[in-house]
């Protein structure tokens, strides 16, 4: 939860350091370093969010104890305990919003890369595994039709890449 929002996916489309490094091996290494740092940073964000959820849950549990004590002190002889139970449920919904299920607490990271060189040499799947223990959950083709007008530019010199969008 970040400012009241649940983060389920961190997205990085077409990452590249853009340094125009002519040495191919050094270029690959620098991009790997950038992606390694990105994966580490993404994991740190998810850890902060998990801690925030734990803290909110702890505060809610503390408030429940206080409410329970207040309710016990204010109960009348006509079944005030049932009134407490209904107020207690409303309080949980106010604090946490909708009930959570496993799908809502997934911690996904999506990276879009081109197929081919030099991107294949970045070994992104190994980077994710080695950096933070993540593995590929799903892999598929980038849906260009959803990004009408987008054109990939070369980072080493001006001009378009040698592949048209519809052929990638």
N, C-alpha and C. Protein backbone atom coordinates (compact mmCIF):
# COMPACT_ATOMS: atom_id res chain seq x y z
N UNK A 1 0.85 -1.16 0.00
CA UNK A 1 0.00 0.00 0.00
C UNK A 1 0.91 1.23 0.00
N UNK A 2 0.70 2.10 -0.93
CA UNK A 2 1.50 3.31 -1.04
C UNK A 2 0.53 4.45 -1.20
N UNK A 3 0.38 5.27 -0.17
CA UNK A 3 -0.60 6.35 -0.25
C UNK A 3 -2.00 5.81 -0.47
N UNK A 4 -2.31 4.66 0.10
CA UNK A 4 -3.63 4.07 -0.06
C UNK A 4 -3.77 3.16 -1.27
N UNK A 5 -2.73 3.02 -2.07
CA UNK A 5 -2.79 2.18 -3.25
C UNK A 5 -1.98 0.91 -3.04
N UNK A 6 -2.44 -0.16 -3.62
CA UNK A 6 -1.68 -1.40 -3.61
C UNK A 6 -0.89 -1.49 -4.90
N UNK A 7 0.40 -1.72 -4.80
CA UNK A 7 1.25 -1.86 -5.97
C UNK A 7 1.39 -3.34 -6.27
N UNK A 8 0.99 -3.74 -7.46
CA UNK A 8 1.04 -5.14 -7.85
C UNK A 8 2.11 -5.41 -8.90
N UNK A 9 2.54 -4.37 -9.60
CA UNK A 9 3.46 -4.59 -10.71
C UNK A 9 4.31 -3.33 -10.91
N UNK A 10 5.60 -3.52 -11.02
CA UNK A 10 6.52 -2.44 -11.36
C UNK A 10 6.95 -2.69 -12.80
N UNK A 11 6.78 -1.70 -13.66
CA UNK A 11 6.97 -1.86 -15.10
C UNK A 11 8.14 -1.02 -15.59
N UNK A 12 8.99 -1.61 -16.41
CA UNK A 12 10.10 -0.91 -17.04
C UNK A 12 10.13 -1.34 -18.50
N UNK A 13 9.64 -0.47 -19.39
CA UNK A 13 9.60 -0.77 -20.82
C UNK A 13 10.89 -0.31 -21.50
N UNK A 14 11.53 -1.21 -22.19
CA UNK A 14 12.69 -0.94 -23.03
C UNK A 14 13.81 -0.20 -22.30
N UNK A 15 14.31 -0.76 -21.20
CA UNK A 15 15.39 -0.09 -20.47
C UNK A 15 16.69 -0.09 -21.28
N UNK A 16 17.45 0.96 -21.11
CA UNK A 16 18.76 1.07 -21.76
C UNK A 16 19.46 2.27 -21.15
N UNK A 17 20.75 2.16 -20.90
CA UNK A 17 21.47 3.28 -20.28
C UNK A 17 21.69 4.44 -21.25
N UNK A 18 21.69 4.17 -22.55
CA UNK A 18 21.81 5.23 -23.55
C UNK A 18 23.13 5.97 -23.53
N UNK A 19 24.21 5.31 -23.19
CA UNK A 19 25.52 5.98 -23.08
C UNK A 19 26.34 5.94 -24.36
N UNK A 20 25.84 5.30 -25.40
CA UNK A 20 26.55 5.23 -26.68
C UNK A 20 27.93 4.58 -26.53
N UNK A 21 28.03 3.56 -25.70
CA UNK A 21 29.30 2.86 -25.49
C UNK A 21 29.56 1.95 -26.68
N UNK A 22 30.66 2.18 -27.35
CA UNK A 22 30.98 1.41 -28.56
C UNK A 22 31.49 0.01 -28.25
N UNK A 23 32.17 -0.16 -27.13
CA UNK A 23 32.65 -1.47 -26.72
C UNK A 23 31.43 -2.32 -26.31
N UNK A 24 31.10 -3.30 -27.13
CA UNK A 24 29.88 -4.09 -26.93
C UNK A 24 29.85 -4.77 -25.57
N UNK A 25 30.95 -5.37 -25.15
CA UNK A 25 30.98 -6.06 -23.86
C UNK A 25 30.79 -5.10 -22.69
N UNK A 26 31.40 -3.95 -22.77
CA UNK A 26 31.23 -2.94 -21.71
C UNK A 26 29.80 -2.42 -21.71
N UNK A 27 29.23 -2.22 -22.88
CA UNK A 27 27.85 -1.77 -23.01
C UNK A 27 26.90 -2.79 -22.36
N UNK A 28 27.12 -4.06 -22.65
CA UNK A 28 26.30 -5.11 -22.05
C UNK A 28 26.42 -5.08 -20.53
N UNK A 29 27.66 -4.98 -20.03
CA UNK A 29 27.90 -4.97 -18.60
C UNK A 29 27.20 -3.78 -17.92
N UNK A 30 27.29 -2.61 -18.51
CA UNK A 30 26.68 -1.41 -17.92
C UNK A 30 25.15 -1.54 -17.88
N UNK A 31 24.56 -2.11 -18.93
CA UNK A 31 23.12 -2.31 -18.93
C UNK A 31 22.71 -3.38 -17.92
N UNK A 32 23.54 -4.40 -17.76
CA UNK A 32 23.27 -5.41 -16.74
C UNK A 32 23.33 -4.79 -15.34
N UNK A 33 24.30 -3.92 -15.11
CA UNK A 33 24.40 -3.25 -13.81
C UNK A 33 23.16 -2.42 -13.54
N UNK A 34 22.69 -1.71 -14.56
CA UNK A 34 21.48 -0.90 -14.41
C UNK A 34 20.27 -1.78 -14.07
N UNK A 35 20.10 -2.88 -14.78
CA UNK A 35 18.97 -3.77 -14.52
C UNK A 35 19.08 -4.45 -13.16
N UNK A 36 20.29 -4.82 -12.78
CA UNK A 36 20.51 -5.41 -11.45
C UNK A 36 20.07 -4.42 -10.37
N UNK A 37 20.48 -3.17 -10.51
CA UNK A 37 20.07 -2.14 -9.55
C UNK A 37 18.56 -1.93 -9.57
N UNK A 38 17.96 -1.96 -10.75
CA UNK A 38 16.50 -1.83 -10.87
C UNK A 38 15.79 -2.96 -10.13
N UNK A 39 16.23 -4.19 -10.32
CA UNK A 39 15.61 -5.32 -9.62
C UNK A 39 15.75 -5.17 -8.11
N UNK A 40 16.94 -4.80 -7.66
CA UNK A 40 17.17 -4.60 -6.22
C UNK A 40 16.26 -3.51 -5.67
N UNK A 41 16.16 -2.40 -6.39
CA UNK A 41 15.32 -1.29 -5.97
C UNK A 41 13.85 -1.69 -5.94
N UNK A 42 13.42 -2.46 -6.92
CA UNK A 42 12.03 -2.93 -6.96
C UNK A 42 11.73 -3.80 -5.75
N UNK A 43 12.64 -4.70 -5.43
CA UNK A 43 12.45 -5.56 -4.27
C UNK A 43 12.39 -4.73 -2.99
N UNK A 44 13.25 -3.72 -2.88
CA UNK A 44 13.23 -2.85 -1.71
C UNK A 44 11.89 -2.13 -1.58
N UNK A 45 11.33 -1.68 -2.70
CA UNK A 45 10.01 -1.03 -2.65
C UNK A 45 8.97 -2.01 -2.13
N UNK A 46 8.97 -3.22 -2.64
CA UNK A 46 8.00 -4.21 -2.16
C UNK A 46 8.21 -4.51 -0.68
N UNK A 47 9.46 -4.52 -0.20
CA UNK A 47 9.72 -4.75 1.22
C UNK A 47 9.16 -3.61 2.07
N UNK A 48 9.32 -2.38 1.60
CA UNK A 48 8.76 -1.22 2.31
C UNK A 48 7.23 -1.33 2.36
N UNK A 49 6.63 -1.71 1.25
CA UNK A 49 5.17 -1.84 1.21
C UNK A 49 4.68 -2.94 2.13
N UNK A 50 5.41 -4.07 2.18
CA UNK A 50 5.03 -5.15 3.09
C UNK A 50 5.12 -4.67 4.54
N UNK A 51 6.19 -3.95 4.87
CA UNK A 51 6.36 -3.43 6.23
C UNK A 51 5.24 -2.45 6.57
N UNK A 52 4.87 -1.62 5.60
CA UNK A 52 3.78 -0.67 5.82
C UNK A 52 2.47 -1.42 6.11
N UNK A 53 2.20 -2.49 5.35
CA UNK A 53 0.98 -3.28 5.60
C UNK A 53 1.03 -3.90 7.00
N UNK A 54 2.20 -4.41 7.39
CA UNK A 54 2.33 -5.00 8.73
C UNK A 54 2.08 -3.95 9.81
N UNK A 55 2.64 -2.75 9.62
CA UNK A 55 2.44 -1.68 10.60
C UNK A 55 0.98 -1.27 10.68
N UNK A 56 0.31 -1.16 9.53
CA UNK A 56 -1.11 -0.82 9.53
C UNK A 56 -1.93 -1.90 10.21
N UNK A 57 -1.57 -3.15 9.96
CA UNK A 57 -2.28 -4.26 10.59
C UNK A 57 -2.07 -4.22 12.10
N UNK A 58 -0.83 -3.94 12.53
CA UNK A 58 -0.53 -3.84 13.96
C UNK A 58 -1.30 -2.71 14.62
N UNK A 59 -1.39 -1.55 13.96
CA UNK A 59 -2.15 -0.43 14.50
C UNK A 59 -3.63 -0.78 14.60
N UNK A 60 -4.14 -1.45 13.58
CA UNK A 60 -5.55 -1.84 13.59
C UNK A 60 -5.83 -2.81 14.73
N UNK A 61 -4.90 -3.75 14.96
CA UNK A 61 -5.08 -4.69 16.06
C UNK A 61 -5.03 -3.98 17.41
N UNK A 62 -4.15 -2.98 17.55
CA UNK A 62 -4.09 -2.20 18.79
C UNK A 62 -5.40 -1.45 19.00
N UNK A 63 -5.94 -0.86 17.93
CA UNK A 63 -7.21 -0.14 18.03
C UNK A 63 -8.34 -1.09 18.39
N UNK A 64 -8.29 -2.32 17.88
CA UNK A 64 -9.32 -3.30 18.21
C UNK A 64 -9.29 -3.62 19.70
N UNK A 65 -8.10 -3.73 20.29
CA UNK A 65 -7.99 -4.01 21.72
C UNK A 65 -8.57 -2.86 22.51
N UNK A 66 -8.25 -1.62 22.13
CA UNK A 66 -8.79 -0.45 22.82
C UNK A 66 -10.30 -0.42 22.68
N UNK A 67 -10.82 -0.65 21.47
CA UNK A 67 -12.27 -0.66 21.26
C UNK A 67 -12.92 -1.76 22.08
N UNK A 68 -12.26 -2.90 22.16
CA UNK A 68 -12.81 -4.02 22.92
C UNK A 68 -12.95 -3.64 24.38
N UNK A 69 -11.92 -3.01 24.93
CA UNK A 69 -11.98 -2.59 26.34
C UNK A 69 -13.06 -1.54 26.55
N UNK A 70 -13.14 -0.57 25.63
CA UNK A 70 -14.17 0.46 25.74
C UNK A 70 -15.56 -0.15 25.62
N UNK A 71 -15.72 -1.09 24.73
CA UNK A 71 -17.01 -1.74 24.53
C UNK A 71 -17.41 -2.53 25.77
N UNK A 72 -16.44 -3.24 26.36
CA UNK A 72 -16.73 -4.01 27.56
C UNK A 72 -17.15 -3.09 28.69
N UNK A 73 -16.52 -1.93 28.80
CA UNK A 73 -16.85 -0.98 29.85
C UNK A 73 -18.21 -0.34 29.62
N UNK A 74 -18.62 -0.20 28.37
CA UNK A 74 -19.87 0.48 28.04
C UNK A 74 -21.02 -0.47 27.76
N UNK A 75 -20.80 -1.78 27.89
CA UNK A 75 -21.87 -2.74 27.59
C UNK A 75 -23.00 -2.56 28.58
N UNK A 76 -24.22 -2.65 28.04
CA UNK A 76 -25.36 -2.68 28.95
C UNK A 76 -25.84 -4.12 29.05
N UNK A 77 -26.84 -4.35 29.82
CA UNK A 77 -27.30 -5.71 30.05
C UNK A 77 -28.12 -6.26 28.90
N UNK A 78 -28.36 -5.50 27.84
CA UNK A 78 -29.21 -5.95 26.75
C UNK A 78 -28.41 -6.40 25.54
N UNK A 79 -27.25 -6.95 25.72
CA UNK A 79 -26.54 -7.54 24.59
C UNK A 79 -25.69 -6.56 23.82
N UNK A 80 -25.02 -5.67 24.49
CA UNK A 80 -24.12 -4.74 23.83
C UNK A 80 -22.99 -5.44 23.10
N UNK A 81 -22.73 -6.68 23.43
CA UNK A 81 -21.66 -7.42 22.77
C UNK A 81 -21.94 -7.60 21.29
N UNK A 82 -23.19 -7.84 20.91
CA UNK A 82 -23.53 -7.96 19.49
C UNK A 82 -23.29 -6.65 18.77
N UNK A 83 -23.58 -5.53 19.42
CA UNK A 83 -23.31 -4.23 18.80
C UNK A 83 -21.81 -4.06 18.57
N UNK A 84 -21.00 -4.53 19.51
CA UNK A 84 -19.55 -4.43 19.35
C UNK A 84 -19.10 -5.21 18.12
N UNK A 85 -19.62 -6.40 17.94
CA UNK A 85 -19.20 -7.22 16.80
C UNK A 85 -19.49 -6.53 15.48
N UNK A 86 -20.63 -5.88 15.35
CA UNK A 86 -20.94 -5.21 14.08
C UNK A 86 -20.05 -3.99 13.90
N UNK A 87 -19.77 -3.24 14.95
CA UNK A 87 -18.87 -2.09 14.83
C UNK A 87 -17.45 -2.55 14.52
N UNK A 88 -17.06 -3.63 15.12
CA UNK A 88 -15.72 -4.19 14.93
C UNK A 88 -15.51 -4.54 13.46
N UNK A 89 -16.47 -5.16 12.82
CA UNK A 89 -16.34 -5.52 11.41
C UNK A 89 -16.25 -4.28 10.54
N UNK A 90 -17.04 -3.28 10.81
CA UNK A 90 -16.98 -2.05 10.01
C UNK A 90 -15.61 -1.40 10.14
N UNK A 91 -15.06 -1.43 11.32
CA UNK A 91 -13.75 -0.82 11.54
C UNK A 91 -12.70 -1.50 10.67
N UNK A 92 -12.69 -2.82 10.62
CA UNK A 92 -11.72 -3.53 9.78
C UNK A 92 -11.86 -3.13 8.32
N UNK A 93 -13.08 -3.02 7.83
CA UNK A 93 -13.27 -2.65 6.43
C UNK A 93 -12.79 -1.23 6.17
N UNK A 94 -12.98 -0.33 7.11
CA UNK A 94 -12.53 1.04 6.93
C UNK A 94 -11.00 1.12 6.86
N UNK A 95 -10.33 0.37 7.69
CA UNK A 95 -8.87 0.42 7.75
C UNK A 95 -8.25 -0.26 6.54
N UNK A 96 -8.73 -1.44 6.20
CA UNK A 96 -8.10 -2.24 5.17
C UNK A 96 -8.78 -2.19 3.82
N UNK A 97 -9.90 -1.57 3.70
CA UNK A 97 -10.63 -1.58 2.43
C UNK A 97 -11.18 -2.96 2.16
N UNK A 98 -11.10 -3.40 0.92
CA UNK A 98 -11.62 -4.72 0.56
C UNK A 98 -10.73 -5.81 1.12
N UNK A 99 -11.34 -6.95 1.33
CA UNK A 99 -10.57 -8.11 1.79
C UNK A 99 -9.51 -8.46 0.76
N UNK A 100 -8.34 -8.80 1.22
CA UNK A 100 -7.22 -9.13 0.32
C UNK A 100 -7.26 -10.61 -0.04
N UNK A 101 -6.85 -10.91 -1.25
CA UNK A 101 -6.61 -12.30 -1.62
C UNK A 101 -5.22 -12.38 -2.24
N UNK A 102 -4.76 -13.56 -2.53
CA UNK A 102 -3.38 -13.73 -3.01
C UNK A 102 -3.10 -12.95 -4.29
N UNK A 103 -4.06 -12.86 -5.21
CA UNK A 103 -3.83 -12.14 -6.46
C UNK A 103 -3.54 -10.66 -6.21
N UNK A 104 -4.14 -10.09 -5.17
CA UNK A 104 -3.95 -8.67 -4.91
C UNK A 104 -2.61 -8.38 -4.24
N UNK A 105 -1.93 -9.38 -3.74
CA UNK A 105 -0.67 -9.15 -3.04
C UNK A 105 0.52 -9.69 -3.82
N UNK A 106 0.36 -9.94 -5.10
CA UNK A 106 1.48 -10.37 -5.92
C UNK A 106 2.48 -9.23 -6.04
N UNK A 107 3.73 -9.59 -6.14
CA UNK A 107 4.79 -8.60 -6.29
C UNK A 107 5.51 -8.89 -7.60
N UNK A 108 4.97 -8.33 -8.67
CA UNK A 108 5.48 -8.60 -10.01
C UNK A 108 6.39 -7.48 -10.48
N UNK A 109 7.32 -7.84 -11.33
CA UNK A 109 8.18 -6.87 -12.01
C UNK A 109 8.13 -7.23 -13.49
N UNK A 110 7.78 -6.27 -14.32
CA UNK A 110 7.69 -6.50 -15.76
C UNK A 110 8.74 -5.67 -16.47
N UNK A 111 9.52 -6.32 -17.31
CA UNK A 111 10.53 -5.64 -18.11
C UNK A 111 10.31 -6.04 -19.56
N UNK A 112 10.24 -5.05 -20.45
CA UNK A 112 10.08 -5.30 -21.88
C UNK A 112 11.41 -5.03 -22.57
N UNK A 113 11.91 -6.03 -23.27
CA UNK A 113 13.14 -5.90 -24.04
C UNK A 113 12.91 -6.41 -25.46
N UNK A 114 13.72 -5.92 -26.38
CA UNK A 114 13.69 -6.45 -27.73
C UNK A 114 14.37 -7.82 -27.76
N UNK A 115 13.94 -8.66 -28.69
CA UNK A 115 14.65 -9.91 -28.97
C UNK A 115 15.82 -9.58 -29.87
N UNK A 116 16.93 -10.25 -29.68
CA UNK A 116 18.09 -10.03 -30.54
C UNK A 116 19.21 -9.36 -29.79
N UNK A 117 20.28 -9.09 -30.52
CA UNK A 117 21.48 -8.50 -29.93
C UNK A 117 21.37 -6.98 -29.87
N UNK A 118 21.91 -6.36 -28.85
CA UNK A 118 22.68 -6.92 -27.75
C UNK A 118 21.83 -7.38 -26.58
N UNK A 119 20.51 -7.19 -26.69
CA UNK A 119 19.62 -7.42 -25.55
C UNK A 119 19.64 -8.85 -25.03
N UNK A 120 19.74 -9.82 -25.93
CA UNK A 120 19.80 -11.22 -25.48
C UNK A 120 21.00 -11.47 -24.58
N UNK A 121 22.10 -10.75 -24.84
CA UNK A 121 23.32 -10.92 -24.04
C UNK A 121 23.21 -10.29 -22.65
N UNK A 122 22.17 -9.53 -22.40
CA UNK A 122 21.99 -8.96 -21.07
C UNK A 122 21.60 -10.04 -20.06
N UNK A 123 21.07 -11.15 -20.57
CA UNK A 123 20.67 -12.30 -19.73
C UNK A 123 19.75 -11.86 -18.58
N UNK A 124 18.68 -11.19 -18.95
CA UNK A 124 17.78 -10.59 -17.97
C UNK A 124 17.17 -11.62 -17.02
N UNK A 125 16.88 -12.81 -17.51
CA UNK A 125 16.28 -13.83 -16.63
C UNK A 125 17.26 -14.22 -15.53
N UNK A 126 18.52 -14.36 -15.88
CA UNK A 126 19.54 -14.69 -14.88
C UNK A 126 19.73 -13.52 -13.92
N UNK A 127 19.71 -12.29 -14.44
CA UNK A 127 19.86 -11.11 -13.58
C UNK A 127 18.78 -11.07 -12.52
N UNK A 128 17.53 -11.28 -12.92
CA UNK A 128 16.42 -11.25 -11.96
C UNK A 128 16.57 -12.35 -10.91
N UNK A 129 16.95 -13.51 -11.35
CA UNK A 129 17.12 -14.63 -10.41
C UNK A 129 18.27 -14.36 -9.44
N UNK A 130 19.42 -13.94 -9.96
CA UNK A 130 20.59 -13.73 -9.11
C UNK A 130 20.44 -12.52 -8.21
N UNK A 131 19.80 -11.47 -8.69
CA UNK A 131 19.68 -10.23 -7.91
C UNK A 131 18.68 -10.37 -6.77
N UNK A 132 17.51 -10.97 -7.06
CA UNK A 132 16.45 -10.97 -6.05
C UNK A 132 15.69 -12.29 -5.94
N UNK A 133 16.13 -13.30 -6.66
CA UNK A 133 15.46 -14.60 -6.56
C UNK A 133 14.16 -14.71 -7.34
N UNK A 134 13.92 -13.81 -8.27
CA UNK A 134 12.71 -13.87 -9.09
C UNK A 134 12.94 -14.78 -10.29
N UNK A 135 11.86 -15.38 -10.76
CA UNK A 135 11.92 -16.17 -11.98
C UNK A 135 10.81 -15.71 -12.93
N UNK A 136 10.93 -16.07 -14.18
CA UNK A 136 9.95 -15.65 -15.18
C UNK A 136 8.62 -16.34 -14.89
N UNK A 137 7.57 -15.55 -14.79
CA UNK A 137 6.22 -16.07 -14.60
C UNK A 137 5.49 -16.18 -15.92
N UNK A 138 5.78 -15.24 -16.80
CA UNK A 138 5.11 -15.21 -18.10
C UNK A 138 6.00 -14.45 -19.06
N UNK A 139 6.04 -14.89 -20.28
CA UNK A 139 6.82 -14.21 -21.31
C UNK A 139 5.97 -14.15 -22.56
N UNK A 140 6.02 -13.04 -23.25
CA UNK A 140 5.21 -12.92 -24.45
C UNK A 140 5.67 -11.78 -25.32
N UNK A 141 5.03 -11.65 -26.43
CA UNK A 141 5.38 -10.62 -27.40
C UNK A 141 4.81 -9.27 -26.97
N UNK A 142 5.56 -8.21 -27.16
CA UNK A 142 5.10 -6.85 -26.87
C UNK A 142 3.98 -6.49 -27.84
N UNK A 143 2.90 -5.97 -27.34
CA UNK A 143 1.73 -5.64 -28.17
C UNK A 143 1.84 -4.22 -28.70
N UNK A 144 2.50 -4.07 -29.84
CA UNK A 144 2.73 -2.77 -30.44
C UNK A 144 1.44 -2.01 -30.71
N UNK A 145 0.38 -2.72 -31.01
CA UNK A 145 -0.89 -2.06 -31.37
C UNK A 145 -1.42 -1.17 -30.25
N UNK A 146 -1.02 -1.43 -29.02
CA UNK A 146 -1.47 -0.61 -27.90
C UNK A 146 -0.65 0.67 -27.75
N UNK A 147 0.39 0.82 -28.52
CA UNK A 147 1.28 1.98 -28.44
C UNK A 147 1.41 2.61 -29.82
N UNK A 148 0.29 3.00 -30.38
CA UNK A 148 0.24 3.58 -31.71
C UNK A 148 1.15 4.81 -31.79
N UNK A 149 2.00 4.83 -32.78
CA UNK A 149 2.90 5.97 -32.97
C UNK A 149 4.26 5.82 -32.31
N UNK A 150 4.41 4.83 -31.45
CA UNK A 150 5.70 4.63 -30.79
C UNK A 150 6.71 4.10 -31.80
N UNK A 151 7.91 4.67 -31.78
CA UNK A 151 8.99 4.18 -32.63
C UNK A 151 10.25 4.08 -31.79
N UNK A 152 10.88 2.95 -31.86
CA UNK A 152 12.14 2.74 -31.16
C UNK A 152 13.24 3.50 -31.89
N UNK A 153 14.07 4.19 -31.14
CA UNK A 153 15.22 4.91 -31.71
C UNK A 153 16.50 4.23 -31.29
N UNK A 154 17.45 4.27 -32.16
CA UNK A 154 18.76 3.73 -31.82
C UNK A 154 19.42 4.63 -30.79
N UNK A 155 20.20 4.02 -29.92
CA UNK A 155 20.91 4.82 -28.92
C UNK A 155 22.30 5.22 -29.40
N UNK A 156 22.84 4.52 -30.37
CA UNK A 156 24.16 4.84 -30.91
C UNK A 156 23.97 5.47 -32.29
N UNK A 157 23.66 6.74 -32.30
CA UNK A 157 23.45 7.43 -33.57
C UNK A 157 21.98 7.71 -33.81
N UNK A 158 21.71 8.56 -34.76
CA UNK A 158 20.34 8.92 -35.06
C UNK A 158 19.70 7.90 -35.97
N UNK A 159 18.41 7.90 -35.98
CA UNK A 159 17.69 7.04 -36.90
C UNK A 159 16.92 5.94 -36.21
N UNK A 160 16.08 5.30 -36.99
CA UNK A 160 15.28 4.20 -36.49
C UNK A 160 16.10 2.92 -36.46
N UNK A 161 15.59 1.94 -35.77
CA UNK A 161 16.24 0.63 -35.79
C UNK A 161 15.99 -0.01 -37.15
N UNK A 162 16.61 -1.12 -37.38
CA UNK A 162 16.46 -1.77 -38.67
C UNK A 162 15.23 -2.66 -38.76
N UNK A 163 14.42 -2.71 -37.72
CA UNK A 163 13.21 -3.53 -37.74
C UNK A 163 11.98 -2.64 -37.59
N UNK A 164 11.04 -2.81 -38.47
CA UNK A 164 9.77 -2.10 -38.35
C UNK A 164 9.00 -2.66 -37.17
N UNK A 165 8.19 -1.81 -36.54
CA UNK A 165 7.45 -2.21 -35.35
C UNK A 165 6.61 -3.46 -35.59
N UNK A 166 5.95 -3.53 -36.73
CA UNK A 166 5.06 -4.67 -36.97
C UNK A 166 5.80 -5.99 -37.17
N UNK A 167 7.12 -5.95 -37.35
CA UNK A 167 7.88 -7.19 -37.55
C UNK A 167 8.53 -7.70 -36.28
N UNK A 168 8.43 -6.95 -35.21
CA UNK A 168 9.10 -7.35 -33.97
C UNK A 168 8.23 -8.26 -33.15
